Amino acid sequence: MVEADSVGLAEALLREPVDRILLDNLSPEDVSRVVSLRNAKHPQMQLEASGGVTPERARALALAGVDWVSVGALTHSARAIDFSLDIQTKPLPG
């Protein structure tokens, strides 16, 4: 997996032997352009949209045609909790 933060870089990476390109902080319009390039040249290559993705923005990126969408807001906004885990073992018989 490699990361591209522009359409130009993504286009260059489409010529390389990679499995997936992570499209970082691209607009849905730019993502759609990369998807069209991918579909024409390397339809087997996977594309993932990431960076600044909110649940609301995820739909537009998915509709642009990527294979994966990473929504960082799911973990950035999660409340932290304080907990501990204690493990007690029993001695084996005999």
PDB file of N, CA and C in Angstrom:
ATOM      1  N   MET A   1       0.852  -1.169   0.000  1.00  0.00           N
ATOM      2  CA  MET A   1       0.000   0.000   0.000  1.00  0.00           C
ATOM      3  C   MET A   1       0.897   1.231   0.000  1.00  0.00           C
ATOM      4  N   VAL A   2       0.535   2.172  -0.841  1.00  0.00           N
ATOM      5  CA  VAL A   2       1.248   3.446  -0.903  1.00  0.00           C
ATOM      6  C   VAL A   2       0.236   4.578  -0.819  1.00  0.00           C
ATOM      7  N   GLU A   3       0.720   5.755  -0.444  1.00  0.00           N
ATOM      8  CA  GLU A   3      -0.164   6.894  -0.242  1.00  0.00           C
ATOM      9  C   GLU A   3       0.066   7.956  -1.309  1.00  0.00           C
ATOM     10  N   ALA A   4      -1.020   8.530  -1.787  1.00  0.00           N
ATOM     11  CA  ALA A   4      -0.948   9.637  -2.737  1.00  0.00           C
ATOM     12  C   ALA A   4      -1.779  10.792  -2.212  1.00  0.00           C
ATOM     13  N   ASP A   5      -1.202  11.985  -2.241  1.00  0.00           N
ATOM     14  CA  ASP A   5      -1.937  13.158  -1.773  1.00  0.00           C
ATOM     15  C   ASP A   5      -2.276  14.115  -2.915  1.00  0.00           C
ATOM     16  N   SER A   6      -2.182  13.614  -4.154  1.00  0.00           N
ATOM     17  CA  SER A   6      -2.575  14.408  -5.316  1.00  0.00           C
ATOM     18  C   SER A   6      -2.960  13.463  -6.453  1.00  0.00           C
ATOM     19  N   VAL A   7      -3.716  13.972  -7.393  1.00  0.00           N
ATOM     20  CA  VAL A   7      -4.110  13.176  -8.557  1.00  0.00           C
ATOM     21  C   VAL A   7      -2.872  12.798  -9.360  1.00  0.00           C
ATOM     22  N   GLY A   8      -1.931  13.731  -9.511  1.00  0.00           N
ATOM     23  CA  GLY A   8      -0.713  13.467 -10.267  1.00  0.00           C
ATOM     24  C   GLY A   8       0.104  12.337  -9.681  1.00  0.00           C
ATOM     25  N   LEU A   9       0.260  12.333  -8.368  1.00  0.00           N
ATOM     26  CA  LEU A   9       1.008  11.263  -7.717  1.00  0.00           C
ATOM     27  C   LEU A   9       0.270   9.935  -7.851  1.00  0.00           C
ATOM     28  N   ALA A  10      -1.032   9.960  -7.689  1.00  0.00           N
ATOM     29  CA  ALA A  10      -1.827   8.730  -7.845  1.00  0.00           C
ATOM     30  C   ALA A  10      -1.679   8.181  -9.260  1.00  0.00           C
ATOM     31  N   GLU A  11      -1.692   9.063 -10.242  1.00  0.00           N
ATOM     32  CA  GLU A  11      -1.538   8.628 -11.633  1.00  0.00           C
ATOM     33  C   GLU A  11      -0.178   7.970 -11.842  1.00  0.00           C
ATOM     34  N   ALA A  12       0.871   8.534 -11.262  1.00  0.00           N
ATOM     35  CA  ALA A  12       2.202   7.928 -11.364  1.00  0.00           C
ATOM     36  C   ALA A  12       2.244   6.574 -10.661  1.00  0.00           C
ATOM     37  N   LEU A  13       1.582   6.465  -9.513  1.00  0.00           N
ATOM     38  CA  LEU A  13       1.582   5.205  -8.763  1.00  0.00           C
ATOM     39  C   LEU A  13       0.789   4.116  -9.467  1.00  0.00           C
ATOM     40  N   LEU A  14      -0.153   4.512 -10.306  1.00  0.00           N
ATOM     41  CA  LEU A  14      -0.922   3.519 -11.062  1.00  0.00           C
ATOM     42  C   LEU A  14      -0.031   2.730 -12.025  1.00  0.00           C
ATOM     43  N   ARG A  15       1.153   3.252 -12.309  1.00  0.00           N
ATOM     44  CA  ARG A  15       2.093   2.555 -13.199  1.00  0.00           C
ATOM     45  C   ARG A  15       3.038   1.643 -12.429  1.00  0.00           C
ATOM     46  N   GLU A  16       2.923   1.625 -11.119  1.00  0.00           N
ATOM     47  CA  GLU A  16       3.824   0.830 -10.278  1.00  0.00           C
ATOM     48  C   GLU A  16       3.141  -0.451  -9.816  1.00  0.00           C
ATOM     49  N   PRO A  17       3.927  -1.455  -9.456  1.00  0.00           N
ATOM     50  CA  PRO A  17       3.345  -2.731  -9.014  1.00  0.00           C
ATOM     51  C   PRO A  17       2.924  -2.688  -7.538  1.00  0.00           C
ATOM     52  N   VAL A  18       1.847  -1.980  -7.265  1.00  0.00           N
ATOM     53  CA  VAL A  18       1.325  -1.901  -5.895  1.00  0.00           C
ATOM     54  C   VAL A  18      -0.069  -2.509  -5.848  1.00  0.00           C
ATOM     55  N   ASP A  19      -0.478  -2.942  -4.672  1.00  0.00           N
ATOM     56  CA  ASP A  19      -1.797  -3.549  -4.500  1.00  0.00           C
ATOM     57  C   ASP A  19      -2.886  -2.520  -4.233  1.00  0.00           C
ATOM     58  N   ARG A  20      -2.525  -1.480  -3.487  1.00  0.00           N
ATOM     59  CA  ARG A  20      -3.536  -0.494  -3.087  1.00  0.00           C
ATOM     60  C   ARG A  20      -2.911   0.885  -2.989  1.00  0.00           C
ATOM     61  N   ILE A  21      -3.668   1.887  -3.423  1.00  0.00           N
ATOM     62  CA  ILE A  21      -3.249   3.276  -3.268  1.00  0.00           C
ATOM     63  C   ILE A  21      -4.203   3.941  -2.287  1.00  0.00           C
ATOM     64  N   LEU A  22      -3.632   4.560  -1.267  1.00  0.00           N
ATOM     65  CA  LEU A  22      -4.392   5.308  -0.275  1.00  0.00           C
ATOM     66  C   LEU A  22      -4.457   6.753  -0.742  1.00  0.00           C
ATOM     67  N   LEU A  23      -5.644   7.215  -1.074  1.00  0.00           N
ATOM     68  CA  LEU A  23      -5.855   8.574  -1.557  1.00  0.00           C
ATOM     69  C   LEU A  23      -6.118   9.475  -0.355  1.00  0.00           C
ATOM     70  N   ASP A  24      -5.121  10.259   0.011  1.00  0.00           N
ATOM     71  CA  ASP A  24      -5.158  11.018   1.252  1.00  0.00           C
ATOM     72  C   ASP A  24      -5.634  12.445   1.034  1.00  0.00           C
ATOM     73  N   ASN A  25      -6.736  12.787   1.666  1.00  0.00           N
ATOM     74  CA  ASN A  25      -7.276  14.152   1.664  1.00  0.00           C
ATOM     75  C   ASN A  25      -7.634  14.668   0.272  1.00  0.00           C
ATOM     76  N   LEU A  26      -8.076  13.797  -0.622  1.00  0.00           N
ATOM     77  CA  LEU A  26      -8.516  14.242  -1.941  1.00  0.00           C
ATOM     78  C   LEU A  26     -10.019  14.518  -1.911  1.00  0.00           C
ATOM     79  N   SER A  27     -10.445  15.455  -2.721  1.00  0.00           N
ATOM     80  CA  SER A  27     -11.875  15.757  -2.828  1.00  0.00           C
ATOM     81  C   SER A  27     -12.584  14.605  -3.544  1.00  0.00           C
ATOM     82  N   PRO A  28     -13.884  14.471  -3.366  1.00  0.00           N
ATOM     83  CA  PRO A  28     -14.616  13.430  -4.104  1.00  0.00           C
ATOM     84  C   PRO A  28     -14.425  13.555  -5.618  1.00  0.00           C
ATOM     85  N   GLU A  29     -14.299  14.769  -6.123  1.00  0.00           N
ATOM     86  CA  GLU A  29     -14.080  14.976  -7.559  1.00  0.00           C
ATOM     87  C   GLU A  29     -12.716  14.439  -7.991  1.00  0.00           C
ATOM     88  N   ASP A  30     -11.688  14.717  -7.193  1.00  0.00           N
ATOM     89  CA  ASP A  30     -10.356  14.193  -7.513  1.00  0.00           C
ATOM     90  C   ASP A  30     -10.315  12.672  -7.369  1.00  0.00           C
ATOM     91  N   VAL A  31     -10.988  12.152  -6.362  1.00  0.00           N
ATOM     92  CA  VAL A  31     -11.059  10.698  -6.192  1.00  0.00           C
ATOM     93  C   VAL A  31     -11.714  10.073  -7.416  1.00  0.00           C
ATOM     94  N   SER A  32     -12.763  10.680  -7.899  1.00  0.00           N
ATOM     95  CA  SER A  32     -13.450  10.168  -9.085  1.00  0.00           C
ATOM     96  C   SER A  32     -12.520  10.155 -10.298  1.00  0.00           C
ATOM     97  N   ARG A  33     -11.678  11.180 -10.439  1.00  0.00           N
ATOM     98  CA  ARG A  33     -10.703  11.221 -11.541  1.00  0.00           C
ATOM     99  C   ARG A  33      -9.715  10.067 -11.434  1.00  0.00           C
ATOM    100  N   VAL A  34      -9.219   9.813 -10.220  1.00  0.00           N
ATOM    101  CA  VAL A  34      -8.271   8.711 -10.023  1.00  0.00           C
ATOM    102  C   VAL A  34      -8.955   7.372 -10.299  1.00  0.00           C
ATOM    103  N   VAL A  35     -10.198   7.224  -9.857  1.00  0.00           N
ATOM    104  CA  VAL A  35     -10.940   5.981 -10.112  1.00  0.00           C
ATOM    105  C   VAL A  35     -11.073   5.750 -11.618  1.00  0.00           C
ATOM    106  N   SER A  36     -11.368   6.792 -12.379  1.00  0.00           N
ATOM    107  CA  SER A  36     -11.479   6.643 -13.834  1.00  0.00           C
ATOM    108  C   SER A  36     -10.153   6.214 -14.449  1.00  0.00           C
ATOM    109  N   LEU A  37      -9.053   6.809 -13.996  1.00  0.00           N
ATOM    110  CA  LEU A  37      -7.733   6.418 -14.484  1.00  0.00           C
ATOM    111  C   LEU A  37      -7.435   4.964 -14.137  1.00  0.00           C
ATOM    112  N   ARG A  38      -7.754   4.591 -12.907  1.00  0.00           N
ATOM    113  CA  ARG A  38      -7.527   3.207 -12.466  1.00  0.00           C
ATOM    114  C   ARG A  38      -8.345   2.230 -13.299  1.00  0.00           C
ATOM    115  N   ASN A  39      -9.606   2.545 -13.512  1.00  0.00           N
ATOM    116  CA  ASN A  39     -10.485   1.642 -14.253  1.00  0.00           C
ATOM    117  C   ASN A  39      -9.999   1.434 -15.686  1.00  0.00           C
ATOM    118  N   ALA A  40      -9.399   2.470 -16.267  1.00  0.00           N
ATOM    119  CA  ALA A  40      -8.914   2.381 -17.643  1.00  0.00           C
ATOM    120  C   ALA A  40      -7.603   1.622 -17.757  1.00  0.00           C
ATOM    121  N   LYS A  41      -6.761   1.695 -16.727  1.00  0.00           N
ATOM    122  CA  LYS A  41      -5.407   1.141 -16.830  1.00  0.00           C
ATOM    123  C   LYS A  41      -5.178  -0.105 -15.990  1.00  0.00           C
ATOM    124  N   HIS A  42      -5.652  -0.102 -14.756  1.00  0.00           N
ATOM    125  CA  HIS A  42      -5.371  -1.191 -13.814  1.00  0.00           C
ATOM    126  C   HIS A  42      -6.594  -1.472 -12.940  1.00  0.00           C
ATOM    127  N   PRO A  43      -7.642  -2.042 -13.516  1.00  0.00           N
ATOM    128  CA  PRO A  43      -8.883  -2.217 -12.748  1.00  0.00           C
ATOM    129  C   PRO A  43      -8.735  -3.119 -11.522  1.00  0.00           C
ATOM    130  N   GLN A  44      -7.686  -3.932 -11.463  1.00  0.00           N
ATOM    131  CA  GLN A  44      -7.506  -4.815 -10.317  1.00  0.00           C
ATOM    132  C   GLN A  44      -6.902  -4.087  -9.109  1.00  0.00           C
ATOM    133  N   MET A  45      -6.313  -2.915  -9.320  1.00  0.00           N
ATOM    134  CA  MET A  45      -5.693  -2.179  -8.230  1.00  0.00           C
ATOM    135  C   MET A  45      -6.767  -1.578  -7.333  1.00  0.00           C
ATOM    136  N   GLN A  46      -6.573  -1.699  -6.031  1.00  0.00           N
ATOM    137  CA  GLN A  46      -7.548  -1.184  -5.083  1.00  0.00           C
ATOM    138  C   GLN A  46      -7.219   0.250  -4.700  1.00  0.00           C
ATOM    139  N   LEU A  47      -8.280   1.025  -4.470  1.00  0.00           N
ATOM    140  CA  LEU A  47      -8.134   2.408  -4.043  1.00  0.00           C
ATOM    141  C   LEU A  47      -8.859   2.611  -2.723  1.00  0.00           C
ATOM    142  N   GLU A  48      -8.222   3.360  -1.832  1.00  0.00           N
ATOM    143  CA  GLU A  48      -8.805   3.659  -0.525  1.00  0.00           C
ATOM    144  C   GLU A  48      -8.771   5.163  -0.305  1.00  0.00           C
ATOM    145  N   ALA A  49      -9.892   5.725   0.111  1.00  0.00           N
ATOM    146  CA  ALA A  49      -9.963   7.150   0.446  1.00  0.00           C
ATOM    147  C   ALA A  49      -9.766   7.298   1.951  1.00  0.00           C
ATOM    148  N   SER A  50      -8.945   8.270   2.318  1.00  0.00           N
ATOM    149  CA  SER A  50      -8.629   8.475   3.723  1.00  0.00           C
ATOM    150  C   SER A  50      -8.282   9.941   3.948  1.00  0.00           C
ATOM    151  N   GLY A  51      -8.218  10.327   5.199  1.00  0.00           N
ATOM    152  CA  GLY A  51      -7.786  11.672   5.547  1.00  0.00           C
ATOM    153  C   GLY A  51      -8.930  12.655   5.616  1.00  0.00           C
ATOM    154  N   GLY A  52      -9.267  13.089   6.800  1.00  0.00           N
ATOM    155  CA  GLY A  52     -10.342  14.056   6.974  1.00  0.00           C
ATOM    156  C   GLY A  52     -11.714  13.511   6.627  1.00  0.00           C
ATOM    157  N   VAL A  53     -11.857  12.195   6.684  1.00  0.00           N
ATOM    158  CA  VAL A  53     -13.136  11.581   6.302  1.00  0.00           C
ATOM    159  C   VAL A  53     -14.054  11.543   7.517  1.00  0.00           C
ATOM    160  N   THR A  54     -15.192  12.170   7.356  1.00  0.00           N
ATOM    161  CA  THR A  54     -16.245  12.122   8.365  1.00  0.00           C
ATOM    162  C   THR A  54     -17.317  11.158   7.858  1.00  0.00           C
ATOM    163  N   PRO A  55     -18.204  10.709   8.728  1.00  0.00           N
ATOM    164  CA  PRO A  55     -19.286   9.834   8.243  1.00  0.00           C
ATOM    165  C   PRO A  55     -20.094  10.486   7.113  1.00  0.00           C
ATOM    166  N   GLU A  56     -20.270  11.800   7.175  1.00  0.00           N
ATOM    167  CA  GLU A  56     -21.026  12.493   6.133  1.00  0.00           C
ATOM    168  C   GLU A  56     -20.264  12.494   4.797  1.00  0.00           C
ATOM    169  N   ARG A  57     -18.972  12.677   4.844  1.00  0.00           N
ATOM    170  CA  ARG A  57     -18.144  12.733   3.642  1.00  0.00           C
ATOM    171  C   ARG A  57     -17.872  11.346   3.065  1.00  0.00           C
ATOM    172  N   ALA A  58     -17.976  10.321   3.882  1.00  0.00           N
ATOM    173  CA  ALA A  58     -17.690   8.950   3.447  1.00  0.00           C
ATOM    174  C   ALA A  58     -18.596   8.527   2.295  1.00  0.00           C
ATOM    175  N   ARG A  59     -19.840   8.925   2.330  1.00  0.00           N
ATOM    176  CA  ARG A  59     -20.776   8.540   1.270  1.00  0.00           C
ATOM    177  C   ARG A  59     -20.337   9.088  -0.087  1.00  0.00           C
ATOM    178  N   ALA A  60     -19.953  10.359  -0.127  1.00  0.00           N
ATOM    179  CA  ALA A  60     -19.514  10.961  -1.387  1.00  0.00           C
ATOM    180  C   ALA A  60     -18.272  10.267  -1.921  1.00  0.00           C
ATOM    181  N   LEU A  61     -17.358   9.906  -1.037  1.00  0.00           N
ATOM    182  CA  LEU A  61     -16.145   9.216  -1.464  1.00  0.00           C
ATOM    183  C   LEU A  61     -16.464   7.812  -1.959  1.00  0.00           C
ATOM    184  N   ALA A  62     -17.369   7.127  -1.283  1.00  0.00           N
ATOM    185  CA  ALA A  62     -17.766   5.786  -1.725  1.00  0.00           C
ATOM    186  C   ALA A  62     -18.441   5.854  -3.089  1.00  0.00           C
ATOM    187  N   LEU A  63     -19.284   6.843  -3.281  1.00  0.00           N
ATOM    188  CA  LEU A  63     -19.963   6.994  -4.572  1.00  0.00           C
ATOM    189  C   LEU A  63     -18.991   7.357  -5.697  1.00  0.00           C
ATOM    190  N   ALA A  64     -17.823   7.894  -5.332  1.00  0.00           N
ATOM    191  CA  ALA A  64     -16.802   8.211  -6.334  1.00  0.00           C
ATOM    192  C   ALA A  64     -16.155   6.945  -6.887  1.00  0.00           C
ATOM    193  N   GLY A  65     -16.344   5.809  -6.200  1.00  0.00           N
ATOM    194  CA  GLY A  65     -15.903   4.536  -6.756  1.00  0.00           C
ATOM    195  C   GLY A  65     -14.722   3.855  -6.104  1.00  0.00           C
ATOM    196  N   VAL A  66     -14.272   4.339  -4.953  1.00  0.00           N
ATOM    197  CA  VAL A  66     -13.154   3.666  -4.289  1.00  0.00           C
ATOM    198  C   VAL A  66     -13.599   2.318  -3.724  1.00  0.00           C
ATOM    199  N   ASP A  67     -12.619   1.472  -3.449  1.00  0.00           N
ATOM    200  CA  ASP A  67     -12.906   0.154  -2.882  1.00  0.00           C
ATOM    201  C   ASP A  67     -13.036   0.207  -1.357  1.00  0.00           C
ATOM    202  N   TRP A  68     -12.352   1.139  -0.743  1.00  0.00           N
ATOM    203  CA  TRP A  68     -12.319   1.255   0.716  1.00  0.00           C
ATOM    204  C   TRP A  68     -12.412   2.729   1.107  1.00  0.00           C
ATOM    205  N   VAL A  69     -13.020   2.985   2.256  1.00  0.00           N
ATOM    206  CA  VAL A  69     -13.048   4.320   2.844  1.00  0.00           C
ATOM    207  C   VAL A  69     -12.672   4.183   4.313  1.00  0.00           C
ATOM    208  N   SER A  70     -11.662   4.937   4.737  1.00  0.00           N
ATOM    209  CA  SER A  70     -11.244   4.939   6.144  1.00  0.00           C
ATOM    210  C   SER A  70     -11.803   6.180   6.816  1.00  0.00           C
ATOM    211  N   VAL A  71     -12.570   5.982   7.863  1.00  0.00           N
ATOM    212  CA  VAL A  71     -13.198   7.096   8.581  1.00  0.00           C
ATOM    213  C   VAL A  71     -12.494   7.257   9.920  1.00  0.00           C
ATOM    214  N   GLY A  72     -11.522   8.154   9.956  1.00  0.00           N
ATOM    215  CA  GLY A  72     -10.767   8.376  11.180  1.00  0.00           C
ATOM    216  C   GLY A  72     -11.599   8.977  12.294  1.00  0.00           C
ATOM    217  N   ALA A  73     -12.668   9.664  11.949  1.00  0.00           N
ATOM    218  CA  ALA A  73     -13.518  10.298  12.968  1.00  0.00           C
ATOM    219  C   ALA A  73     -14.100   9.270  13.931  1.00  0.00           C
ATOM    220  N   LEU A  74     -14.178   8.015  13.503  1.00  0.00           N
ATOM    221  CA  LEU A  74     -14.713   6.985  14.396  1.00  0.00           C
ATOM    222  C   LEU A  74     -13.833   6.800  15.620  1.00  0.00           C
ATOM    223  N   THR A  75     -12.522   6.938  15.458  1.00  0.00           N
ATOM    224  CA  THR A  75     -11.626   6.765  16.598  1.00  0.00           C
ATOM    225  C   THR A  75     -11.171   8.100  17.181  1.00  0.00           C
ATOM    226  N   HIS A  76     -11.078   9.153  16.379  1.00  0.00           N
ATOM    227  CA  HIS A  76     -10.639  10.453  16.891  1.00  0.00           C
ATOM    228  C   HIS A  76     -11.614  11.011  17.910  1.00  0.00           C
ATOM    229  N   SER A  77     -12.880  10.726  17.720  1.00  0.00           N
ATOM    230  CA  SER A  77     -13.914  11.314  18.573  1.00  0.00           C
ATOM    231  C   SER A  77     -14.370  10.386  19.693  1.00  0.00           C
ATOM    232  N   ALA A  78     -13.810   9.204  19.752  1.00  0.00           N
ATOM    233  CA  ALA A  78     -14.241   8.253  20.783  1.00  0.00           C
ATOM    234  C   ALA A  78     -13.764   8.723  22.159  1.00  0.00           C
ATOM    235  N   ARG A  79     -14.654   8.591  23.130  1.00  0.00           N
ATOM    236  CA  ARG A  79     -14.281   8.942  24.496  1.00  0.00           C
ATOM    237  C   ARG A  79     -13.390   7.850  25.069  1.00  0.00           C
ATOM    238  N   ALA A  80     -12.424   8.251  25.831  1.00  0.00           N
ATOM    239  CA  ALA A  80     -11.527   7.294  26.488  1.00  0.00           C
ATOM    240  C   ALA A  80     -12.169   6.820  27.784  1.00  0.00           C
ATOM    241  N   ILE A  81     -11.920   5.586  28.137  1.00  0.00           N
ATOM    242  CA  ILE A  81     -12.356   5.072  29.440  1.00  0.00           C
ATOM    243  C   ILE A  81     -11.145   4.494  30.142  1.00  0.00           C
ATOM    244  N   ASP A  82     -11.195   4.519  31.429  1.00  0.00           N
ATOM    245  CA  ASP A  82     -10.105   3.990  32.238  1.00  0.00           C
ATOM    246  C   ASP A  82     -10.537   2.632  32.773  1.00  0.00           C
ATOM    247  N   PHE A  83      -9.822   1.601  32.394  1.00  0.00           N
ATOM    248  CA  PHE A  83     -10.154   0.276  32.895  1.00  0.00           C
ATOM    249  C   PHE A  83      -8.881  -0.532  33.040  1.00  0.00           C
ATOM    250  N   SER A  84      -8.964  -1.578  33.813  1.00  0.00           N
ATOM    251  CA  SER A  84      -7.810  -2.468  33.957  1.00  0.00           C
ATOM    252  C   SER A  84      -8.287  -3.905  33.823  1.00  0.00           C
ATOM    253  N   LEU A  85      -7.373  -4.761  33.524  1.00  0.00           N
ATOM    254  CA  LEU A  85      -7.670  -6.177  33.356  1.00  0.00           C
ATOM    255  C   LEU A  85      -6.688  -6.955  34.208  1.00  0.00           C
ATOM    256  N   ASP A  86      -7.240  -7.643  35.193  1.00  0.00           N
ATOM    257  CA  ASP A  86      -6.406  -8.473  36.059  1.00  0.00           C
ATOM    258  C   ASP A  86      -6.671  -9.935  35.728  1.00  0.00           C
ATOM    259  N   ILE A  87      -5.619 -10.680  35.522  1.00  0.00           N
ATOM    260  CA  ILE A  87      -5.745 -12.106  35.214  1.00  0.00           C
ATOM    261  C   ILE A  87      -5.209 -12.894  36.394  1.00  0.00           C
ATOM    262  N   GLN A  88      -6.047 -13.774  36.869  1.00  0.00           N
ATOM    263  CA  GLN A  88      -5.630 -14.661  37.944  1.00  0.00           C
ATOM    264  C   GLN A  88      -5.656 -16.080  37.429  1.00  0.00           C
ATOM    265  N   THR A  89      -4.621 -16.795  37.675  1.00  0.00           N
ATOM    266  CA  THR A  89      -4.565 -18.183  37.227  1.00  0.00           C
ATOM    267  C   THR A  89      -4.622 -19.116  38.422  1.00  0.00           C
ATOM    268  N   LYS A  90      -5.217 -20.256  38.196  1.00  0.00           N
ATOM    269  CA  LYS A  90      -5.236 -21.295  39.221  1.00  0.00           C
ATOM    270  C   LYS A  90      -4.028 -22.189  39.011  1.00  0.00           C
ATOM    271  N   PRO A  91      -3.410 -22.653  40.073  1.00  0.00           N
ATOM    272  CA  PRO A  91      -2.313 -23.597  39.877  1.00  0.00           C
ATOM    273  C   PRO A  91      -2.856 -24.903  39.276  1.00  0.00           C
ATOM    274  N   LEU A  92      -2.088 -25.496  38.403  1.00  0.00           N
ATOM    275  CA  LEU A  92      -2.474 -26.766  37.822  1.00  0.00           C
ATOM    276  C   LEU A  92      -2.440 -27.859  38.884  1.00  0.00           C
ATOM    277  N   PRO A  93      -3.450 -28.773  38.844  1.00  0.00           N
ATOM    278  CA  PRO A  93      -3.444 -29.851  39.821  1.00  0.00           C
ATOM    279  C   PRO A  93      -2.234 -30.781  39.635  1.00  0.00           C
ATOM    280  N   GLY A  94      -1.742 -31.297  40.738  1.00  0.00           N
ATOM    281  CA  GLY A  94      -0.720 -32.327  40.695  1.00  0.00           C
ATOM    282  C   GLY A  94       0.600 -31.804  40.591  1.00  0.00           C
TER     283      GLY A  94
END
